[in-house]
């Protein structure tokens, strides 16, 4: 009488482990890509909210926020003699979770609001996931830019 062997062979166990490792690798890579796309989408959404705030600031005061995001959070100190603009500021135009006069992108760096030396034109920028300012837009450029027109 022979005893039946119960259990799995070493080869069968190695095949199962290899299949599970392959599946785990695919899931981890796709999850990381989805997380990066979500952060980029969040940054674009926040930049659109900043654009709306800038346009509201301009509608109220008649000028673009020369001090960038800080002007959207607190009255930028419009001179007392400029009564029309002083009365016009109805901010804050954006909300924030911290006391700092900045708004951070999903990667923890502040958005930049640049005045382009035109009374009705500004640009909102984020350095993107790599955190490097790529002004030339070359390969590897992941910066996000949004223009604000009057």
Protein backbone atom coordinates (compact mmCIF):
# COMPACT_ATOMS: atom_id res chain seq x y z
CA UNK A 1 0.00 0.00 0.00
CA UNK A 2 1.37 3.37 -0.99
CA UNK A 3 0.69 6.52 0.86
CA UNK A 4 -0.72 9.38 -1.28
CA UNK A 5 1.34 12.50 -1.14
CA UNK A 6 -0.51 15.60 -0.14
CA UNK A 7 0.55 19.17 -0.81
CA UNK A 8 2.23 21.06 -3.58
CA UNK A 9 5.60 20.58 -5.15
CA UNK A 10 8.25 23.24 -4.95
CA UNK A 11 7.83 24.03 -8.64
CA UNK A 12 4.09 24.61 -8.24
CA UNK A 13 4.70 26.98 -5.31
CA UNK A 14 7.32 28.93 -7.26
CA UNK A 15 4.93 29.32 -10.21
CA UNK A 16 2.19 30.68 -7.93
CA UNK A 17 4.61 33.11 -6.27
CA UNK A 18 5.86 34.32 -9.67
CA UNK A 19 2.31 34.90 -10.92
CA UNK A 20 1.37 36.83 -7.76
CA UNK A 21 4.53 38.95 -7.98
CA UNK A 22 3.75 39.82 -11.61
CA UNK A 23 0.19 40.84 -10.76
CA UNK A 24 1.40 42.92 -7.80
CA UNK A 25 3.95 44.69 -10.01
CA UNK A 26 1.33 45.63 -12.59
CA UNK A 27 -1.07 46.91 -9.91
CA UNK A 28 1.60 49.01 -8.19
CA UNK A 29 2.74 50.64 -11.44
CA UNK A 30 -0.81 51.44 -12.58
CA UNK A 31 -1.71 52.82 -9.15
CA UNK A 32 1.34 55.12 -9.21
CA UNK A 33 0.41 56.42 -12.67
CA UNK A 34 -3.17 57.03 -11.59
CA UNK A 35 -1.97 58.91 -8.51
CA UNK A 36 0.27 61.13 -10.65
CA UNK A 37 -2.55 61.85 -13.10
CA UNK A 38 -4.85 62.71 -10.19
CA UNK A 39 -2.28 65.16 -8.77
CA UNK A 40 -1.89 66.81 -12.18
CA UNK A 41 -5.67 67.07 -12.58
CA UNK A 42 -5.93 68.59 -9.09
CA UNK A 43 -3.26 71.17 -9.97
CA UNK A 44 -5.13 72.13 -13.15
CA UNK A 45 -8.36 72.50 -11.17
CA UNK A 46 -6.67 74.66 -8.52
CA UNK A 47 -5.10 76.82 -11.24
CA UNK A 48 -8.54 77.39 -12.77
CA UNK A 49 -9.82 78.42 -9.33
CA UNK A 50 -6.89 80.85 -9.03
CA UNK A 51 -7.73 82.21 -12.48
CA UNK A 52 -11.33 82.86 -11.41
CA UNK A 53 -10.09 84.57 -8.24
CA UNK A 54 -7.71 86.78 -10.26
CA UNK A 55 -10.48 87.76 -12.65
CA UNK A 56 -12.80 88.59 -9.72
CA UNK A 57 -10.01 90.65 -8.10
CA UNK A 58 -9.58 92.53 -11.39
CA UNK A 59 -13.33 93.09 -11.73
CA UNK A 60 -13.49 94.50 -8.18
CA UNK A 61 -10.33 96.64 -8.17
CA UNK A 62 -9.71 97.36 -11.84
CA UNK A 63 -6.18 95.92 -11.75
CA UNK A 64 -4.40 92.59 -11.77
CA UNK A 65 -3.00 91.42 -8.40
CA UNK A 66 0.55 92.79 -8.54
CA UNK A 67 1.50 90.89 -5.37
CA UNK A 68 0.43 87.53 -6.77
CA UNK A 69 -1.51 85.09 -4.61
CA UNK A 70 -0.96 87.22 -1.47
CA UNK A 71 -3.20 89.95 -2.94
CA UNK A 72 -6.01 87.41 -3.29
CA UNK A 73 -5.76 86.46 0.39
CA UNK A 74 -5.51 89.88 2.05
CA UNK A 75 -6.05 93.48 1.03
CA UNK A 76 -2.87 94.41 -0.83
CA UNK A 77 -2.60 97.80 0.83
CA UNK A 78 -4.20 99.88 -1.88
CA UNK A 79 -3.27 103.51 -1.17
CA UNK A 80 -5.82 105.56 0.77
CA UNK A 81 -6.04 108.13 -2.03
CA UNK A 82 -7.20 105.43 -4.49
CA UNK A 83 -10.71 105.21 -3.05
CA UNK A 84 -12.27 103.44 -6.03
CA UNK A 85 -9.87 100.51 -5.83
CA UNK A 86 -9.83 100.43 -2.00
CA UNK A 87 -13.60 100.19 -1.85
CA UNK A 88 -13.54 97.60 -4.61
CA UNK A 89 -11.48 94.92 -2.81
CA UNK A 90 -13.97 92.34 -1.57
CA UNK A 91 -11.61 89.50 -0.70
CA UNK A 92 -10.33 87.17 0.33
CA UNK A 93 -10.85 85.64 -3.10
CA UNK A 94 -9.50 82.20 -2.22
CA UNK A 95 -9.46 80.09 0.92
CA UNK A 96 -6.48 78.26 2.35
CA UNK A 97 -5.70 75.81 5.12
CA UNK A 98 -2.51 77.46 6.38
CA UNK A 99 -1.60 80.90 7.66
CA UNK A 100 1.11 81.33 5.02
CA UNK A 101 0.34 83.81 2.21
CA UNK A 102 0.81 81.10 -0.43
CA UNK A 103 -1.25 78.37 -2.07
CA UNK A 104 0.62 75.10 -2.56
CA UNK A 105 0.31 72.77 -5.53
CA UNK A 106 -0.25 69.01 -4.98
CA UNK A 107 3.52 68.50 -4.77
CA UNK A 108 3.91 70.97 -1.88
CA UNK A 109 5.37 73.90 -3.83
CA UNK A 110 3.74 77.33 -4.19
CA UNK A 111 1.95 78.34 -7.35
CA UNK A 112 3.49 81.36 -9.05
CA UNK A 113 1.35 84.19 -10.40
CA UNK A 114 3.42 86.22 -12.84
CA UNK A 115 2.51 89.68 -14.09
CA UNK A 116 3.42 89.77 -17.77
CA UNK A 117 3.78 93.59 -17.94
CA UNK A 118 0.41 93.88 -19.64
CA UNK A 119 -2.48 95.40 -17.67
CA UNK A 120 -4.78 92.52 -18.51
CA UNK A 121 -2.46 89.51 -18.73
CA UNK A 122 -0.97 87.22 -16.09
CA UNK A 123 0.27 83.63 -15.94
CA UNK A 124 -0.21 81.01 -13.22
CA UNK A 125 2.53 78.36 -13.03
CA UNK A 126 3.38 75.16 -11.21
CA UNK A 127 6.67 73.32 -11.65
CA UNK A 128 4.81 70.01 -11.86
CA UNK A 129 5.83 66.65 -10.42
CA UNK A 130 9.58 66.99 -11.02
CA UNK A 131 9.76 70.36 -9.23
CA UNK A 132 12.03 71.87 -11.88
CA UNK A 133 11.17 75.08 -13.69
CA UNK A 134 11.41 74.25 -17.39
CA UNK A 135 10.96 77.62 -19.10
CA UNK A 136 11.98 76.39 -22.55
CA UNK A 137 9.37 73.61 -22.64
CA UNK A 138 11.88 71.02 -23.78
CA UNK A 139 11.81 67.26 -23.27
CA UNK A 140 10.74 66.28 -19.79
CA UNK A 141 8.82 69.53 -19.32
CA UNK A 142 5.99 68.75 -16.93
CA UNK A 143 5.30 72.33 -15.85
CA UNK A 144 1.71 73.50 -15.79
CA UNK A 145 0.92 76.98 -17.12
CA UNK A 146 -2.35 78.87 -17.37
CA UNK A 147 -2.75 82.33 -18.89
CA UNK A 148 -5.23 84.81 -17.45
CA UNK A 149 -6.61 87.34 -19.91
CA UNK A 150 -8.95 90.20 -19.19
